[in-house]
Amino acid sequence: SYLDLDRLSTGFYDQMNFAFKFSINEQNMDTFLIFDDAFINYDLDRLRLALFFLLDLANDRQIIYMTCHNREEEVLKSEAIDFNMIDLEEI
């Protein structure tokens, strides 16, 4: 069946971008990954799952996640997950 691209959500494109970026970098596990508001269009449940996925990846490589929103911080704190945060406004 055929589905017009204009019927897909922005969150869908974000998920495809995330999967594509991960699959490209999966071949070289000694590199770090940088994300800039990669999950901005995710609902809270998808955001939570994506962050858990990144946490699993962080066992093997460094993950740098940049955002100007508080949702990621709120999710990580609500799960009592230890993470390093650098607030650029405080530098």
N, C-alpha and C. Protein backbone atom coordinates (compact mmCIF):
# COMPACT_ATOMS: atom_id res chain seq x y z
N SER A 1 0.84 -1.18 0.00
CA SER A 1 0.00 0.00 0.00
C SER A 1 0.89 1.24 0.00
N TYR A 2 0.34 2.33 -0.45
CA TYR A 2 1.08 3.57 -0.60
C TYR A 2 0.56 4.58 0.42
N LEU A 3 1.48 5.29 1.05
CA LEU A 3 1.12 6.31 2.03
C LEU A 3 1.83 7.60 1.67
N ASP A 4 1.09 8.66 1.49
CA ASP A 4 1.69 9.95 1.17
C ASP A 4 2.58 10.42 2.30
N LEU A 5 3.72 11.02 1.95
CA LEU A 5 4.66 11.50 2.97
C LEU A 5 4.07 12.58 3.85
N ASP A 6 3.12 13.35 3.33
CA ASP A 6 2.52 14.41 4.14
C ASP A 6 1.59 13.86 5.23
N ARG A 7 1.34 12.58 5.21
CA ARG A 7 0.51 11.95 6.26
C ARG A 7 1.35 11.46 7.43
N LEU A 8 2.68 11.52 7.30
CA LEU A 8 3.57 11.08 8.36
C LEU A 8 3.86 12.23 9.31
N SER A 9 4.00 11.93 10.58
CA SER A 9 4.23 12.96 11.59
C SER A 9 5.70 13.37 11.62
N THR A 10 5.94 14.52 12.21
CA THR A 10 7.31 14.98 12.42
C THR A 10 8.05 14.02 13.34
N GLY A 11 7.33 13.46 14.31
CA GLY A 11 7.93 12.47 15.21
C GLY A 11 8.42 11.25 14.46
N PHE A 12 7.70 10.85 13.42
CA PHE A 12 8.13 9.72 12.59
C PHE A 12 9.48 10.02 11.96
N TYR A 13 9.62 11.22 11.39
CA TYR A 13 10.89 11.60 10.78
C TYR A 13 12.01 11.65 11.81
N ASP A 14 11.69 12.12 13.02
CA ASP A 14 12.69 12.13 14.09
C ASP A 14 13.13 10.71 14.44
N GLN A 15 12.18 9.78 14.49
CA GLN A 15 12.52 8.39 14.80
C GLN A 15 13.38 7.79 13.70
N MET A 16 13.06 8.07 12.46
CA MET A 16 13.85 7.56 11.34
C MET A 16 15.26 8.14 11.37
N ASN A 17 15.38 9.42 11.68
CA ASN A 17 16.68 10.07 11.77
C ASN A 17 17.52 9.44 12.89
N PHE A 18 16.90 9.19 14.02
CA PHE A 18 17.58 8.56 15.16
C PHE A 18 18.06 7.17 14.78
N ALA A 19 17.20 6.37 14.17
CA ALA A 19 17.57 5.01 13.77
C ALA A 19 18.67 5.02 12.71
N PHE A 20 18.56 5.93 11.77
CA PHE A 20 19.57 6.03 10.71
C PHE A 20 20.93 6.43 11.30
N LYS A 21 20.93 7.42 12.17
CA LYS A 21 22.17 7.87 12.79
C LYS A 21 22.81 6.74 13.60
N PHE A 22 22.00 6.03 14.36
CA PHE A 22 22.53 4.93 15.15
C PHE A 22 23.08 3.83 14.26
N SER A 23 22.37 3.48 13.20
CA SER A 23 22.83 2.38 12.34
C SER A 23 24.14 2.71 11.64
N ILE A 24 24.33 3.96 11.25
CA ILE A 24 25.58 4.37 10.62
C ILE A 24 26.73 4.26 11.61
N ASN A 25 26.50 4.69 12.84
CA ASN A 25 27.56 4.72 13.84
C ASN A 25 27.77 3.38 14.54
N GLU A 26 26.87 2.43 14.33
CA GLU A 26 26.98 1.13 14.98
C GLU A 26 28.24 0.38 14.53
N GLN A 27 28.70 0.68 13.34
CA GLN A 27 29.88 0.00 12.81
C GLN A 27 31.17 0.42 13.52
N ASN A 28 31.16 1.61 14.11
CA ASN A 28 32.36 2.15 14.75
C ASN A 28 32.04 2.49 16.20
N MET A 29 32.17 1.52 17.08
CA MET A 29 31.75 1.68 18.47
C MET A 29 32.73 2.50 19.30
N ASP A 30 33.88 2.89 18.76
CA ASP A 30 34.82 3.67 19.56
C ASP A 30 34.64 5.18 19.34
N THR A 31 33.53 5.58 18.74
CA THR A 31 33.25 7.01 18.55
C THR A 31 32.16 7.45 19.52
N PHE A 32 32.00 8.73 19.63
CA PHE A 32 30.92 9.26 20.46
C PHE A 32 29.77 9.69 19.56
N LEU A 33 28.60 9.89 20.16
CA LEU A 33 27.43 10.33 19.41
C LEU A 33 26.97 11.68 19.95
N ILE A 34 26.57 12.56 19.07
CA ILE A 34 26.04 13.86 19.45
C ILE A 34 24.61 13.98 18.94
N PHE A 35 23.73 14.41 19.81
CA PHE A 35 22.34 14.63 19.45
C PHE A 35 21.96 16.05 19.86
N ASP A 36 21.24 16.73 18.99
CA ASP A 36 20.77 18.08 19.29
C ASP A 36 19.26 18.10 19.18
N ASP A 37 18.59 18.08 20.33
CA ASP A 37 17.12 18.04 20.39
C ASP A 37 16.55 16.96 19.48
N ALA A 38 17.15 15.80 19.54
CA ALA A 38 16.76 14.70 18.65
C ALA A 38 15.35 14.18 18.91
N PHE A 39 14.83 14.41 20.09
CA PHE A 39 13.52 13.84 20.46
C PHE A 39 12.48 14.92 20.73
N ILE A 40 12.66 16.08 20.15
CA ILE A 40 11.79 17.21 20.41
C ILE A 40 10.33 16.92 20.06
N ASN A 41 10.09 16.10 19.05
CA ASN A 41 8.72 15.81 18.62
C ASN A 41 8.19 14.49 19.17
N TYR A 42 8.91 13.88 20.09
CA TYR A 42 8.46 12.63 20.70
C TYR A 42 7.45 12.94 21.81
N ASP A 43 6.48 12.06 21.96
CA ASP A 43 5.63 12.16 23.14
C ASP A 43 6.44 11.66 24.33
N LEU A 44 5.89 11.81 25.52
CA LEU A 44 6.65 11.51 26.73
C LEU A 44 7.06 10.04 26.82
N ASP A 45 6.20 9.13 26.39
CA ASP A 45 6.54 7.70 26.44
C ASP A 45 7.69 7.37 25.48
N ARG A 46 7.64 7.89 24.27
CA ARG A 46 8.73 7.66 23.31
C ARG A 46 10.02 8.30 23.79
N LEU A 47 9.91 9.49 24.36
CA LEU A 47 11.10 10.16 24.88
C LEU A 47 11.75 9.31 25.95
N ARG A 48 10.96 8.81 26.86
CA ARG A 48 11.48 7.96 27.95
C ARG A 48 12.20 6.73 27.40
N LEU A 49 11.58 6.05 26.43
CA LEU A 49 12.20 4.86 25.84
C LEU A 49 13.47 5.21 25.07
N ALA A 50 13.46 6.33 24.36
CA ALA A 50 14.66 6.74 23.62
C ALA A 50 15.80 7.07 24.57
N LEU A 51 15.49 7.73 25.68
CA LEU A 51 16.53 8.05 26.65
C LEU A 51 17.10 6.79 27.28
N PHE A 52 16.25 5.81 27.56
CA PHE A 52 16.75 4.53 28.09
C PHE A 52 17.66 3.85 27.07
N PHE A 53 17.29 3.94 25.80
CA PHE A 53 18.13 3.36 24.75
C PHE A 53 19.49 4.05 24.73
N LEU A 54 19.50 5.39 24.83
CA LEU A 54 20.77 6.12 24.87
C LEU A 54 21.58 5.76 26.10
N LEU A 55 20.92 5.54 27.20
CA LEU A 55 21.64 5.14 28.42
C LEU A 55 22.33 3.79 28.23
N ASP A 56 21.67 2.87 27.55
CA ASP A 56 22.30 1.59 27.25
C ASP A 56 23.51 1.79 26.33
N LEU A 57 23.37 2.66 25.35
CA LEU A 57 24.50 2.95 24.46
C LEU A 57 25.65 3.59 25.21
N ALA A 58 25.34 4.34 26.25
CA ALA A 58 26.37 5.05 27.01
C ALA A 58 27.29 4.09 27.76
N ASN A 59 26.93 2.83 27.85
CA ASN A 59 27.83 1.84 28.46
C ASN A 59 29.04 1.59 27.56
N ASP A 60 28.88 1.82 26.26
CA ASP A 60 29.94 1.52 25.29
C ASP A 60 30.58 2.75 24.66
N ARG A 61 29.94 3.89 24.78
CA ARG A 61 30.45 5.10 24.14
C ARG A 61 29.90 6.33 24.84
N GLN A 62 30.52 7.45 24.56
CA GLN A 62 30.05 8.71 25.14
C GLN A 62 28.89 9.25 24.31
N ILE A 63 27.86 9.72 25.01
CA ILE A 63 26.70 10.32 24.36
C ILE A 63 26.63 11.78 24.80
N ILE A 64 26.55 12.66 23.83
CA ILE A 64 26.38 14.08 24.11
C ILE A 64 25.00 14.46 23.57
N TYR A 65 24.15 14.94 24.47
CA TYR A 65 22.79 15.30 24.09
C TYR A 65 22.57 16.76 24.45
N MET A 66 22.28 17.57 23.46
CA MET A 66 22.05 19.00 23.70
C MET A 66 20.57 19.30 23.53
N THR A 67 20.06 20.15 24.42
CA THR A 67 18.67 20.55 24.33
C THR A 67 18.47 21.87 25.08
N CYS A 68 17.43 22.56 24.69
CA CYS A 68 17.06 23.78 25.41
C CYS A 68 15.76 23.57 26.17
N HIS A 69 15.36 22.32 26.31
CA HIS A 69 14.12 21.96 27.00
C HIS A 69 14.43 21.20 28.28
N ASN A 70 13.43 21.07 29.14
CA ASN A 70 13.62 20.41 30.43
C ASN A 70 13.09 18.98 30.47
N ARG A 71 12.42 18.53 29.42
CA ARG A 71 11.77 17.22 29.48
C ARG A 71 12.76 16.09 29.74
N GLU A 72 13.89 16.11 29.05
CA GLU A 72 14.88 15.04 29.22
C GLU A 72 15.39 15.01 30.66
N GLU A 73 15.70 16.16 31.19
CA GLU A 73 16.17 16.25 32.58
C GLU A 73 15.11 15.73 33.54
N GLU A 74 13.86 16.11 33.32
CA GLU A 74 12.77 15.65 34.19
C GLU A 74 12.61 14.14 34.15
N VAL A 75 12.71 13.56 32.95
CA VAL A 75 12.59 12.10 32.83
C VAL A 75 13.73 11.41 33.58
N LEU A 76 14.95 11.86 33.35
CA LEU A 76 16.10 11.22 34.00
C LEU A 76 16.05 11.37 35.51
N LYS A 77 15.66 12.53 35.99
CA LYS A 77 15.56 12.74 37.44
C LYS A 77 14.43 11.92 38.04
N SER A 78 13.32 11.80 37.33
CA SER A 78 12.19 11.02 37.86
C SER A 78 12.53 9.54 37.98
N GLU A 79 13.48 9.08 37.18
CA GLU A 79 13.93 7.69 37.22
C GLU A 79 15.17 7.52 38.10
N ALA A 80 15.60 8.60 38.76
CA ALA A 80 16.79 8.60 39.63
C ALA A 80 18.03 8.12 38.88
N ILE A 81 18.18 8.58 37.65
CA ILE A 81 19.31 8.22 36.81
C ILE A 81 20.38 9.29 36.94
N ASP A 82 21.59 8.86 37.18
CA ASP A 82 22.72 9.77 37.32
C ASP A 82 23.22 10.17 35.93
N PHE A 83 23.36 11.46 35.70
CA PHE A 83 23.85 11.95 34.42
C PHE A 83 24.61 13.25 34.65
N ASN A 84 25.47 13.58 33.73
CA ASN A 84 26.23 14.83 33.79
C ASN A 84 25.53 15.86 32.92
N MET A 85 25.28 17.02 33.51
CA MET A 85 24.63 18.09 32.77
C MET A 85 25.50 19.35 32.84
N ILE A 86 25.68 19.98 31.71
CA ILE A 86 26.39 21.25 31.64
C ILE A 86 25.39 22.29 31.16
N ASP A 87 25.10 23.25 32.01
CA ASP A 87 24.19 24.33 31.67
C ASP A 87 25.02 25.47 31.08
N LEU A 88 24.88 25.69 29.78
CA LEU A 88 25.70 26.70 29.11
C LEU A 88 25.42 28.11 29.60
N GLU A 89 24.26 28.33 30.20
CA GLU A 89 23.96 29.65 30.76
C GLU A 89 24.78 29.93 32.00
N GLU A 90 25.30 28.89 32.62
CA GLU A 90 26.09 29.05 33.84
C GLU A 90 27.59 29.13 33.58
N ILE A 91 27.99 28.97 32.34
CA ILE A 91 29.42 29.01 32.01
C ILE A 91 29.85 30.44 31.79
